[in-house]
Amino acid sequence: MAKERTRNDERLRVAQVAARLMAEDGIDDFAAAKRKAARQVGMADMRQLPSNAEIEAALRTHQTLYGGSEHDARIRELRAKALRVMRDLERFNPYLTGSVLSGTAGKYAHIDLLLFTENEKAVELYLMQRGSYRAVQRRLWVGESARTAQTFTVDDDGTEIELLVLALDDLRLPIKSTIDGKPAERARLPAVEALLDDC
């Protein structure tokens, strides 16, 4: 019993350190934050690492305790930027997702948008006309199948915005979260406007 309590305490400590690393050092990869936190804590059994959901819960607690009005202002600023970009990309059916939507974004966070369109090339053409961008392929789960989707990254005055482009038919399917494998939350323009009104 005492051994299990020690393991649970160690697991909680790793989640707390990983949350601090994500909030303060800009680490946005759960696996990297876990490994670094486990090394810092001196965790012996790497099979006992906390889940991504446990780290996200610790991240929320960390931001509530230490973020204060600075964190609230940062979330408001990121959501306002996301809303502006969503309005610009309205013809591509944009949805806000990720840490800016959930309110867990740290000071180095990027904005994640999902775009649903029948013409992926139209997104790239639109971006070409507006300046520089980077393009990569990303693997994810859409519904029950693994997919490779085009992701464009643009810089908006120091904030990276990732645009993940999916087919219009994918709108009705869940996009699986990398945090816990559950469907990722997503919000359309009116919902993001309402979030800003509530801030």
N, C-alpha and C. Protein backbone atom coordinates (compact mmCIF):
# COMPACT_ATOMS: atom_id res chain seq x y z
N MET A 1 0.82 -1.20 0.00
CA MET A 1 0.00 0.00 0.00
C MET A 1 0.87 1.27 0.00
N ALA A 2 1.88 1.29 0.89
CA ALA A 2 2.78 2.45 0.96
C ALA A 2 3.56 2.60 -0.33
N LYS A 3 3.93 1.45 -0.94
CA LYS A 3 4.68 1.48 -2.19
C LYS A 3 3.84 2.10 -3.31
N GLU A 4 2.55 1.73 -3.33
CA GLU A 4 1.67 2.27 -4.36
C GLU A 4 1.44 3.77 -4.14
N ARG A 5 1.33 4.19 -2.89
CA ARG A 5 1.17 5.62 -2.59
C ARG A 5 2.40 6.40 -3.04
N THR A 6 3.58 5.83 -2.83
CA THR A 6 4.82 6.47 -3.27
C THR A 6 4.84 6.60 -4.78
N ARG A 7 4.40 5.54 -5.49
CA ARG A 7 4.34 5.58 -6.97
C ARG A 7 3.36 6.65 -7.44
N ASN A 8 2.19 6.72 -6.78
CA ASN A 8 1.20 7.73 -7.15
C ASN A 8 1.70 9.14 -6.87
N ASP A 9 2.40 9.32 -5.75
CA ASP A 9 2.99 10.63 -5.42
C ASP A 9 4.02 11.02 -6.47
N GLU A 10 4.84 10.04 -6.87
CA GLU A 10 5.88 10.30 -7.87
C GLU A 10 5.24 10.64 -9.22
N ARG A 11 4.19 9.92 -9.55
CA ARG A 11 3.46 10.17 -10.81
C ARG A 11 2.85 11.57 -10.80
N LEU A 12 2.24 11.96 -9.68
CA LEU A 12 1.66 13.31 -9.54
C LEU A 12 2.75 14.37 -9.65
N ARG A 13 3.89 14.11 -9.03
CA ARG A 13 5.01 15.07 -9.09
C ARG A 13 5.49 15.24 -10.53
N VAL A 14 5.60 14.14 -11.27
CA VAL A 14 6.01 14.23 -12.67
C VAL A 14 4.99 15.05 -13.47
N ALA A 15 3.70 14.83 -13.23
CA ALA A 15 2.66 15.59 -13.92
C ALA A 15 2.78 17.08 -13.61
N GLN A 16 3.06 17.42 -12.35
CA GLN A 16 3.18 18.83 -11.96
C GLN A 16 4.41 19.48 -12.61
N VAL A 17 5.53 18.77 -12.62
CA VAL A 17 6.75 19.32 -13.23
C VAL A 17 6.55 19.45 -14.75
N ALA A 18 5.93 18.45 -15.37
CA ALA A 18 5.66 18.52 -16.81
C ALA A 18 4.76 19.71 -17.13
N ALA A 19 3.76 19.95 -16.29
CA ALA A 19 2.85 21.08 -16.47
C ALA A 19 3.61 22.40 -16.38
N ARG A 20 4.52 22.49 -15.41
CA ARG A 20 5.32 23.72 -15.27
C ARG A 20 6.20 23.93 -16.49
N LEU A 21 6.81 22.86 -16.99
CA LEU A 21 7.66 22.95 -18.19
C LEU A 21 6.84 23.43 -19.40
N MET A 22 5.63 22.94 -19.52
CA MET A 22 4.78 23.34 -20.63
C MET A 22 4.33 24.79 -20.49
N ALA A 23 3.99 25.19 -19.28
CA ALA A 23 3.50 26.55 -19.04
C ALA A 23 4.60 27.59 -19.13
N GLU A 24 5.77 27.28 -18.61
CA GLU A 24 6.81 28.29 -18.48
C GLU A 24 7.94 28.21 -19.50
N ASP A 25 8.22 27.00 -20.01
CA ASP A 25 9.34 26.83 -20.92
C ASP A 25 8.93 26.64 -22.37
N GLY A 26 7.64 26.62 -22.62
CA GLY A 26 7.17 26.55 -23.99
C GLY A 26 7.20 25.16 -24.61
N ILE A 27 7.37 24.12 -23.81
CA ILE A 27 7.32 22.76 -24.35
C ILE A 27 5.86 22.47 -24.67
N ASP A 28 5.56 22.10 -25.92
CA ASP A 28 4.17 21.84 -26.27
C ASP A 28 3.91 20.38 -26.62
N ASP A 29 4.91 19.55 -26.44
CA ASP A 29 4.79 18.12 -26.71
C ASP A 29 4.69 17.38 -25.38
N PHE A 30 3.56 16.71 -25.17
CA PHE A 30 3.33 16.04 -23.89
C PHE A 30 4.40 14.99 -23.59
N ALA A 31 4.79 14.20 -24.60
CA ALA A 31 5.78 13.14 -24.38
C ALA A 31 7.13 13.74 -23.97
N ALA A 32 7.55 14.82 -24.63
CA ALA A 32 8.83 15.47 -24.28
C ALA A 32 8.77 16.04 -22.88
N ALA A 33 7.65 16.67 -22.52
CA ALA A 33 7.51 17.25 -21.18
C ALA A 33 7.55 16.15 -20.12
N LYS A 34 6.90 15.01 -20.39
CA LYS A 34 6.90 13.89 -19.45
C LYS A 34 8.30 13.35 -19.21
N ARG A 35 9.02 13.12 -20.32
CA ARG A 35 10.37 12.56 -20.19
C ARG A 35 11.29 13.50 -19.41
N LYS A 36 11.24 14.78 -19.74
CA LYS A 36 12.10 15.75 -19.05
C LYS A 36 11.72 15.84 -17.57
N ALA A 37 10.43 15.86 -17.28
CA ALA A 37 9.96 15.93 -15.90
C ALA A 37 10.38 14.68 -15.12
N ALA A 38 10.27 13.51 -15.75
CA ALA A 38 10.66 12.26 -15.09
C ALA A 38 12.14 12.27 -14.73
N ARG A 39 12.97 12.80 -15.64
CA ARG A 39 14.41 12.91 -15.34
C ARG A 39 14.65 13.86 -14.17
N GLN A 40 13.95 15.00 -14.17
CA GLN A 40 14.14 15.98 -13.10
C GLN A 40 13.71 15.43 -11.75
N VAL A 41 12.63 14.66 -11.74
CA VAL A 41 12.11 14.10 -10.50
C VAL A 41 12.91 12.87 -10.06
N GLY A 42 13.59 12.24 -11.04
CA GLY A 42 14.36 11.03 -10.74
C GLY A 42 13.48 9.80 -10.70
N MET A 43 12.46 9.77 -11.53
CA MET A 43 11.54 8.64 -11.58
C MET A 43 12.28 7.40 -12.05
N ALA A 44 12.15 6.34 -11.28
CA ALA A 44 12.86 5.10 -11.59
C ALA A 44 12.14 4.28 -12.65
N ASP A 45 10.82 4.17 -12.55
CA ASP A 45 10.05 3.31 -13.45
C ASP A 45 9.33 4.16 -14.49
N MET A 46 9.89 4.24 -15.69
CA MET A 46 9.33 5.08 -16.75
C MET A 46 8.00 4.53 -17.28
N ARG A 47 7.62 3.32 -16.87
CA ARG A 47 6.32 2.78 -17.27
C ARG A 47 5.18 3.42 -16.46
N GLN A 48 5.52 4.14 -15.41
CA GLN A 48 4.52 4.74 -14.54
C GLN A 48 4.27 6.22 -14.84
N LEU A 49 4.68 6.67 -16.02
CA LEU A 49 4.49 8.08 -16.37
C LEU A 49 3.01 8.45 -16.37
N PRO A 50 2.69 9.68 -16.00
CA PRO A 50 1.29 10.11 -16.02
C PRO A 50 0.76 10.20 -17.46
N SER A 51 -0.54 10.12 -17.59
CA SER A 51 -1.16 10.23 -18.91
C SER A 51 -1.17 11.70 -19.34
N ASN A 52 -1.42 11.91 -20.62
CA ASN A 52 -1.52 13.29 -21.13
C ASN A 52 -2.67 14.03 -20.45
N ALA A 53 -3.77 13.33 -20.18
CA ALA A 53 -4.91 13.95 -19.51
C ALA A 53 -4.53 14.40 -18.10
N GLU A 54 -3.71 13.60 -17.39
CA GLU A 54 -3.26 13.98 -16.04
C GLU A 54 -2.38 15.23 -16.11
N ILE A 55 -1.54 15.30 -17.14
CA ILE A 55 -0.68 16.48 -17.29
C ILE A 55 -1.52 17.70 -17.63
N GLU A 56 -2.52 17.52 -18.49
CA GLU A 56 -3.38 18.66 -18.83
C GLU A 56 -4.11 19.17 -17.58
N ALA A 57 -4.57 18.27 -16.72
CA ALA A 57 -5.23 18.68 -15.48
C ALA A 57 -4.25 19.44 -14.59
N ALA A 58 -3.01 18.95 -14.50
CA ALA A 58 -1.98 19.65 -13.71
C ALA A 58 -1.66 21.00 -14.31
N LEU A 59 -1.69 21.09 -15.64
CA LEU A 59 -1.44 22.35 -16.33
C LEU A 59 -2.52 23.38 -16.01
N ARG A 60 -3.77 22.94 -15.98
CA ARG A 60 -4.88 23.84 -15.60
C ARG A 60 -4.68 24.35 -14.17
N THR A 61 -4.32 23.44 -13.27
CA THR A 61 -4.09 23.83 -11.88
C THR A 61 -2.94 24.81 -11.78
N HIS A 62 -1.84 24.54 -12.49
CA HIS A 62 -0.67 25.42 -12.48
C HIS A 62 -1.05 26.82 -12.95
N GLN A 63 -1.81 26.90 -14.02
CA GLN A 63 -2.18 28.21 -14.56
C GLN A 63 -3.15 28.94 -13.65
N THR A 64 -4.01 28.21 -12.98
CA THR A 64 -4.92 28.83 -12.02
C THR A 64 -4.13 29.42 -10.85
N LEU A 65 -3.14 28.66 -10.38
CA LEU A 65 -2.36 29.10 -9.21
C LEU A 65 -1.34 30.19 -9.53
N TYR A 66 -0.68 30.06 -10.70
CA TYR A 66 0.45 30.95 -10.99
C TYR A 66 0.25 31.89 -12.17
N GLY A 67 -0.74 31.60 -13.01
CA GLY A 67 -0.92 32.42 -14.21
C GLY A 67 -1.58 33.76 -13.96
N GLY A 68 -2.64 33.74 -13.18
CA GLY A 68 -3.35 34.95 -12.81
C GLY A 68 -3.82 35.77 -14.00
N SER A 69 -3.82 37.08 -13.81
CA SER A 69 -4.34 37.98 -14.84
C SER A 69 -3.46 37.99 -16.09
N GLU A 70 -2.16 37.70 -15.93
CA GLU A 70 -1.26 37.65 -17.09
C GLU A 70 -1.67 36.51 -18.03
N HIS A 71 -1.98 35.36 -17.45
CA HIS A 71 -2.42 34.21 -18.25
C HIS A 71 -3.76 34.52 -18.92
N ASP A 72 -4.68 35.10 -18.16
CA ASP A 72 -6.00 35.45 -18.72
C ASP A 72 -5.85 36.41 -19.90
N ALA A 73 -4.96 37.39 -19.76
CA ALA A 73 -4.74 38.36 -20.83
C ALA A 73 -4.14 37.67 -22.06
N ARG A 74 -3.24 36.74 -21.84
CA ARG A 74 -2.61 36.01 -22.95
C ARG A 74 -3.66 35.17 -23.70
N ILE A 75 -4.52 34.48 -22.97
CA ILE A 75 -5.58 33.69 -23.60
C ILE A 75 -6.51 34.59 -24.40
N ARG A 76 -6.87 35.73 -23.82
CA ARG A 76 -7.74 36.68 -24.51
C ARG A 76 -7.09 37.17 -25.82
N GLU A 77 -5.78 37.50 -25.74
CA GLU A 77 -5.03 37.96 -26.91
C GLU A 77 -4.98 36.88 -28.00
N LEU A 78 -4.70 35.65 -27.61
CA LEU A 78 -4.62 34.55 -28.58
C LEU A 78 -5.98 34.26 -29.21
N ARG A 79 -7.03 34.30 -28.40
CA ARG A 79 -8.38 34.06 -28.94
C ARG A 79 -8.79 35.19 -29.89
N ALA A 80 -8.41 36.42 -29.58
CA ALA A 80 -8.72 37.54 -30.47
C ALA A 80 -8.00 37.39 -31.81
N LYS A 81 -6.73 36.96 -31.76
CA LYS A 81 -5.98 36.70 -32.99
C LYS A 81 -6.63 35.58 -33.78
N ALA A 82 -6.99 34.52 -33.08
CA ALA A 82 -7.64 33.37 -33.74
C ALA A 82 -8.93 33.81 -34.41
N LEU A 83 -9.70 34.63 -33.74
CA LEU A 83 -10.97 35.10 -34.30
C LEU A 83 -10.74 35.91 -35.57
N ARG A 84 -9.74 36.78 -35.54
CA ARG A 84 -9.43 37.60 -36.73
C ARG A 84 -9.04 36.71 -37.91
N VAL A 85 -8.18 35.73 -37.65
CA VAL A 85 -7.74 34.82 -38.72
C VAL A 85 -8.92 33.96 -39.20
N MET A 86 -9.76 33.52 -38.29
CA MET A 86 -10.92 32.72 -38.68
C MET A 86 -11.85 33.52 -39.59
N ARG A 87 -12.01 34.80 -39.30
CA ARG A 87 -12.84 35.64 -40.17
C ARG A 87 -12.22 35.76 -41.56
N ASP A 88 -10.88 35.88 -41.60
CA ASP A 88 -10.19 35.96 -42.90
C ASP A 88 -10.34 34.65 -43.70
N LEU A 89 -10.39 33.54 -42.99
CA LEU A 89 -10.46 32.23 -43.64
C LEU A 89 -11.87 31.63 -43.61
N GLU A 90 -12.87 32.46 -43.43
CA GLU A 90 -14.24 31.97 -43.23
C GLU A 90 -14.73 31.05 -44.35
N ARG A 91 -14.30 31.27 -45.57
CA ARG A 91 -14.77 30.43 -46.68
C ARG A 91 -14.23 29.00 -46.59
N PHE A 92 -13.22 28.77 -45.71
CA PHE A 92 -12.67 27.43 -45.54
C PHE A 92 -13.20 26.74 -44.27
N ASN A 93 -14.31 27.25 -43.72
CA ASN A 93 -14.96 26.63 -42.56
C ASN A 93 -13.99 26.41 -41.39
N PRO A 94 -13.43 27.49 -40.83
CA PRO A 94 -12.44 27.34 -39.76
C PRO A 94 -13.04 27.00 -38.41
N TYR A 95 -12.31 26.18 -37.66
CA TYR A 95 -12.67 25.83 -36.28
C TYR A 95 -11.42 26.03 -35.42
N LEU A 96 -11.59 26.64 -34.26
CA LEU A 96 -10.50 26.75 -33.29
C LEU A 96 -10.46 25.48 -32.47
N THR A 97 -9.26 25.00 -32.19
CA THR A 97 -9.08 23.80 -31.38
C THR A 97 -7.81 23.96 -30.55
N GLY A 98 -7.47 22.98 -29.76
CA GLY A 98 -6.20 23.01 -29.02
C GLY A 98 -6.22 23.86 -27.76
N SER A 99 -5.02 24.24 -27.34
CA SER A 99 -4.84 24.89 -26.04
C SER A 99 -5.42 26.30 -25.96
N VAL A 100 -5.54 26.99 -27.10
CA VAL A 100 -6.14 28.33 -27.07
C VAL A 100 -7.63 28.22 -26.79
N LEU A 101 -8.27 27.22 -27.37
CA LEU A 101 -9.69 26.99 -27.09
C LEU A 101 -9.89 26.53 -25.65
N SER A 102 -9.08 25.57 -25.20
CA SER A 102 -9.26 25.02 -23.85
C SER A 102 -8.84 25.98 -22.74
N GLY A 103 -8.04 26.99 -23.10
CA GLY A 103 -7.59 27.95 -22.09
C GLY A 103 -6.32 27.53 -21.38
N THR A 104 -5.62 26.50 -21.89
CA THR A 104 -4.39 26.04 -21.25
C THR A 104 -3.13 26.53 -21.96
N ALA A 105 -3.28 27.39 -22.95
CA ALA A 105 -2.13 27.86 -23.73
C ALA A 105 -1.13 28.60 -22.85
N GLY A 106 0.14 28.25 -23.01
CA GLY A 106 1.21 28.93 -22.29
C GLY A 106 1.69 30.16 -23.06
N LYS A 107 2.74 30.78 -22.55
CA LYS A 107 3.18 32.04 -23.17
C LYS A 107 3.81 31.85 -24.54
N TYR A 108 4.23 30.63 -24.89
CA TYR A 108 4.82 30.38 -26.21
C TYR A 108 3.89 29.58 -27.12
N ALA A 109 2.63 29.51 -26.77
CA ALA A 109 1.69 28.66 -27.50
C ALA A 109 1.41 29.17 -28.91
N HIS A 110 1.05 28.22 -29.76
CA HIS A 110 0.59 28.58 -31.10
C HIS A 110 -0.93 28.39 -31.15
N ILE A 111 -1.54 28.89 -32.21
CA ILE A 111 -2.98 28.77 -32.41
C ILE A 111 -3.24 27.64 -33.40
N ASP A 112 -4.15 26.74 -33.05
CA ASP A 112 -4.50 25.60 -33.91
C ASP A 112 -5.87 25.83 -34.53
N LEU A 113 -5.91 25.83 -35.85
CA LEU A 113 -7.18 25.94 -36.56
C LEU A 113 -7.36 24.74 -37.49
N LEU A 114 -8.58 24.23 -37.54
CA LEU A 114 -8.94 23.20 -38.50
C LEU A 114 -9.69 23.90 -39.63
N LEU A 115 -9.34 23.58 -40.87
CA LEU A 115 -10.04 24.11 -42.03
C LEU A 115 -10.67 22.95 -42.78
N PHE A 116 -11.93 23.12 -43.19
CA PHE A 116 -12.64 22.07 -43.92
C PHE A 116 -13.03 22.63 -45.29
N THR A 117 -12.50 22.04 -46.35
CA THR A 117 -12.72 22.57 -47.69
C THR A 117 -12.71 21.47 -48.73
N GLU A 118 -13.36 21.73 -49.86
CA GLU A 118 -13.32 20.79 -50.98
C GLU A 118 -12.06 21.00 -51.81
N ASN A 119 -11.34 22.11 -51.57
CA ASN A 119 -10.19 22.46 -52.40
C ASN A 119 -8.99 22.87 -51.54
N GLU A 120 -8.16 21.89 -51.20
CA GLU A 120 -6.96 22.16 -50.38
C GLU A 120 -6.04 23.16 -51.06
N LYS A 121 -5.93 23.07 -52.39
CA LYS A 121 -5.05 23.98 -53.14
C LYS A 121 -5.50 25.43 -53.00
N ALA A 122 -6.80 25.66 -52.83
CA ALA A 122 -7.31 27.03 -52.67
C ALA A 122 -6.76 27.65 -51.39
N VAL A 123 -6.58 26.83 -50.34
CA VAL A 123 -6.00 27.33 -49.09
C VAL A 123 -4.56 27.76 -49.34
N GLU A 124 -3.80 26.91 -50.01
CA GLU A 124 -2.40 27.24 -50.28
C GLU A 124 -2.28 28.47 -51.18
N LEU A 125 -3.10 28.57 -52.16
CA LEU A 125 -3.09 29.74 -53.04
C LEU A 125 -3.40 31.02 -52.26
N TYR A 126 -4.38 30.93 -51.38
CA TYR A 126 -4.75 32.06 -50.53
C TYR A 126 -3.55 32.50 -49.68
N LEU A 127 -2.83 31.51 -49.10
CA LEU A 127 -1.68 31.82 -48.26
C LEU A 127 -0.52 32.40 -49.10
N MET A 128 -0.32 31.88 -50.29
CA MET A 128 0.74 32.38 -51.18
C MET A 128 0.56 33.87 -51.46
N GLN A 129 -0.67 34.28 -51.64
CA GLN A 129 -0.97 35.67 -51.95
C GLN A 129 -0.76 36.59 -50.75
N ARG A 130 -0.65 36.01 -49.55
CA ARG A 130 -0.54 36.82 -48.34
C ARG A 130 0.84 36.78 -47.68
N GLY A 131 1.78 36.06 -48.24
CA GLY A 131 3.12 36.05 -47.65
C GLY A 131 3.67 34.65 -47.47
N SER A 132 4.61 34.52 -46.57
CA SER A 132 5.31 33.25 -46.40
C SER A 132 4.55 32.30 -45.46
N TYR A 133 4.80 31.03 -45.65
CA TYR A 133 4.21 29.98 -44.83
C TYR A 133 5.08 28.73 -44.97
N ARG A 134 4.90 27.80 -44.06
CA ARG A 134 5.56 26.50 -44.14
C ARG A 134 4.48 25.43 -44.30
N ALA A 135 4.80 24.39 -45.02
CA ALA A 135 3.84 23.31 -45.23
C ALA A 135 4.47 21.98 -44.84
N VAL A 136 3.73 21.18 -44.08
CA VAL A 136 4.16 19.83 -43.70
C VAL A 136 2.94 18.91 -43.73
N GLN A 137 3.21 17.62 -43.78
CA GLN A 137 2.15 16.62 -43.67
C GLN A 137 2.08 16.18 -42.21
N ARG A 138 0.87 15.95 -41.72
CA ARG A 138 0.70 15.53 -40.34
C ARG A 138 -0.25 14.34 -40.27
N ARG A 139 0.09 13.37 -39.42
CA ARG A 139 -0.77 12.19 -39.24
C ARG A 139 -1.75 12.46 -38.11
N LEU A 140 -2.98 12.02 -38.30
CA LEU A 140 -4.00 12.16 -37.27
C LEU A 140 -5.11 11.17 -37.54
N TRP A 141 -6.01 11.05 -36.57
CA TRP A 141 -7.16 10.17 -36.71
C TRP A 141 -8.38 11.01 -37.01
N VAL A 142 -9.06 10.68 -38.09
CA VAL A 142 -10.32 11.32 -38.45
C VAL A 142 -11.36 10.21 -38.47
N GLY A 143 -12.34 10.31 -37.59
CA GLY A 143 -13.27 9.20 -37.44
C GLY A 143 -12.52 7.98 -36.94
N GLU A 144 -12.62 6.89 -37.66
CA GLU A 144 -11.93 5.65 -37.26
C GLU A 144 -10.72 5.34 -38.12
N SER A 145 -10.30 6.29 -38.96
CA SER A 145 -9.17 5.99 -39.84
C SER A 145 -8.02 6.99 -39.66
N ALA A 146 -6.82 6.48 -39.81
CA ALA A 146 -5.62 7.33 -39.75
C ALA A 146 -5.50 8.05 -41.08
N ARG A 147 -5.11 9.30 -41.03
CA ARG A 147 -4.98 10.11 -42.24
C ARG A 147 -3.68 10.90 -42.20
N THR A 148 -3.26 11.31 -43.36
CA THR A 148 -2.19 12.30 -43.48
C THR A 148 -2.86 13.55 -44.03
N ALA A 149 -2.66 14.67 -43.35
CA ALA A 149 -3.31 15.91 -43.76
C ALA A 149 -2.27 17.01 -43.91
N GLN A 150 -2.55 17.91 -44.83
CA GLN A 150 -1.66 19.06 -45.06
C GLN A 150 -1.83 20.06 -43.92
N THR A 151 -0.70 20.53 -43.39
CA THR A 151 -0.72 21.57 -42.36
C THR A 151 0.14 22.73 -42.82
N PHE A 152 -0.42 23.92 -42.77
CA PHE A 152 0.31 25.14 -43.11
C PHE A 152 0.54 25.92 -41.82
N THR A 153 1.75 26.46 -41.67
CA THR A 153 2.06 27.29 -40.51
C THR A 153 2.39 28.69 -41.00
N VAL A 154 1.71 29.67 -40.44
CA VAL A 154 1.96 31.07 -40.77
C VAL A 154 2.31 31.81 -39.48
N ASP A 155 3.05 32.90 -39.64
CA ASP A 155 3.42 33.72 -38.49
C ASP A 155 2.53 34.96 -38.47
N ASP A 156 1.93 35.22 -37.33
CA ASP A 156 1.08 36.40 -37.15
C ASP A 156 1.68 37.24 -36.03
N ASP A 157 2.58 38.13 -36.42
CA ASP A 157 3.20 39.04 -35.45
C ASP A 157 3.80 38.29 -34.25
N GLY A 158 4.56 37.23 -34.55
CA GLY A 158 5.24 36.49 -33.49
C GLY A 158 4.48 35.29 -32.97
N THR A 159 3.25 35.10 -33.38
CA THR A 159 2.47 33.94 -32.95
C THR A 159 2.30 33.01 -34.15
N GLU A 160 2.68 31.76 -33.98
CA GLU A 160 2.49 30.79 -35.05
C GLU A 160 1.04 30.30 -35.07
N ILE A 161 0.51 30.21 -36.28
CA ILE A 161 -0.84 29.70 -36.46
C ILE A 161 -0.74 28.48 -37.36
N GLU A 162 -1.21 27.33 -36.85
CA GLU A 162 -1.19 26.09 -37.61
C GLU A 162 -2.57 25.85 -38.19
N LEU A 163 -2.60 25.69 -39.50
CA LEU A 163 -3.84 25.46 -40.23
C LEU A 163 -3.84 24.03 -40.75
N LEU A 164 -4.63 23.19 -40.17
CA LEU A 164 -4.73 21.79 -40.58
C LEU A 164 -5.91 21.68 -41.54
N VAL A 165 -5.63 21.25 -42.78
CA VAL A 165 -6.65 21.25 -43.83
C VAL A 165 -7.23 19.84 -44.00
N LEU A 166 -8.55 19.77 -43.89
CA LEU A 166 -9.27 18.50 -44.04
C LEU A 166 -10.36 18.66 -45.09
N ALA A 167 -10.89 17.54 -45.55
CA ALA A 167 -11.96 17.55 -46.55
C ALA A 167 -13.26 18.04 -45.92
N LEU A 168 -14.10 18.63 -46.72
CA LEU A 168 -15.38 19.15 -46.25
C LEU A 168 -16.22 18.03 -45.62
N ASP A 169 -16.15 16.83 -46.17
CA ASP A 169 -16.90 15.69 -45.63
C ASP A 169 -16.44 15.31 -44.21
N ASP A 170 -15.22 15.70 -43.85
CA ASP A 170 -14.69 15.36 -42.52
C ASP A 170 -15.34 16.18 -41.41
N LEU A 171 -16.10 17.21 -41.78
CA LEU A 171 -16.76 18.05 -40.78
C LEU A 171 -17.62 17.24 -39.82
N ARG A 172 -18.25 16.20 -40.32
CA ARG A 172 -19.17 15.41 -39.49
C ARG A 172 -18.45 14.35 -38.65
N LEU A 173 -17.14 14.18 -38.86
CA LEU A 173 -16.40 13.14 -38.15
C LEU A 173 -15.60 13.72 -36.99
N PRO A 174 -15.40 12.93 -35.94
CA PRO A 174 -14.55 13.41 -34.84
C PRO A 174 -13.08 13.40 -35.25
N ILE A 175 -12.36 14.42 -34.84
CA ILE A 175 -10.91 14.49 -35.02
C ILE A 175 -10.32 14.12 -33.67
N LYS A 176 -9.52 13.07 -33.63
CA LYS A 176 -9.02 12.56 -32.35
C LYS A 176 -7.93 13.47 -31.77
N SER A 177 -8.05 13.72 -30.51
CA SER A 177 -7.07 14.52 -29.78
C SER A 177 -5.82 13.73 -29.51
N THR A 178 -4.67 14.38 -29.60
CA THR A 178 -3.42 13.71 -29.27
C THR A 178 -3.22 13.66 -27.75
N ILE A 179 -4.02 14.39 -27.02
CA ILE A 179 -3.88 14.41 -25.57
C ILE A 179 -4.35 13.10 -24.96
N ASP A 180 -5.57 12.67 -25.31
CA ASP A 180 -6.11 11.47 -24.68
C ASP A 180 -6.79 10.52 -25.65
N GLY A 181 -6.70 10.80 -26.95
CA GLY A 181 -7.32 9.94 -27.95
C GLY A 181 -8.81 10.15 -28.11
N LYS A 182 -9.38 11.08 -27.34
CA LYS A 182 -10.81 11.38 -27.46
C LYS A 182 -11.01 12.44 -28.54
N PRO A 183 -12.25 12.59 -29.01
CA PRO A 183 -12.49 13.63 -30.02
C PRO A 183 -12.08 15.01 -29.49
N ALA A 184 -11.34 15.74 -30.31
CA ALA A 184 -10.86 17.06 -29.92
C ALA A 184 -12.02 18.05 -29.93
N GLU A 185 -12.03 18.92 -28.94
CA GLU A 185 -13.02 20.00 -28.92
C GLU A 185 -12.68 20.96 -30.05
N ARG A 186 -13.72 21.53 -30.63
CA ARG A 186 -13.50 22.53 -31.66
C ARG A 186 -14.65 23.54 -31.61
N ALA A 187 -14.34 24.76 -32.03
CA ALA A 187 -15.33 25.83 -31.93
C ALA A 187 -15.37 26.65 -33.21
N ARG A 188 -16.57 26.92 -33.70
CA ARG A 188 -16.77 27.77 -34.87
C ARG A 188 -16.69 29.24 -34.45
N LEU A 189 -16.74 30.11 -35.44
CA LEU A 189 -16.66 31.56 -35.21
C LEU A 189 -17.59 32.07 -34.11
N PRO A 190 -18.89 31.78 -34.15
CA PRO A 190 -19.77 32.32 -33.11
C PRO A 190 -19.38 31.90 -31.70
N ALA A 191 -18.90 30.66 -31.56
CA ALA A 191 -18.49 30.17 -30.23
C ALA A 191 -17.24 30.90 -29.75
N VAL A 192 -16.31 31.18 -30.66
CA VAL A 192 -15.09 31.91 -30.29
C VAL A 192 -15.44 33.35 -29.94
N GLU A 193 -16.37 33.94 -30.68
CA GLU A 193 -16.84 35.30 -30.33
C GLU A 193 -17.44 35.31 -28.93
N ALA A 194 -18.23 34.29 -28.62
CA ALA A 194 -18.84 34.20 -27.29
C ALA A 194 -17.78 34.03 -26.20
N LEU A 195 -16.74 33.23 -26.48
CA LEU A 195 -15.64 33.07 -25.52
C LEU A 195 -14.98 34.41 -25.22
N LEU A 196 -14.77 35.20 -26.25
CA LEU A 196 -14.14 36.52 -26.06
C LEU A 196 -15.05 37.45 -25.29
N ASP A 197 -16.34 37.39 -25.55
CA ASP A 197 -17.30 38.23 -24.82
C ASP A 197 -17.30 37.89 -23.34
N ASP A 198 -17.06 36.62 -23.02
CA ASP A 198 -17.06 36.18 -21.61
C ASP A 198 -15.78 36.51 -20.87
N CYS A 199 -14.72 36.85 -21.61
CA CYS A 199 -13.43 37.14 -20.95
C CYS A 199 -13.46 38.47 -20.22
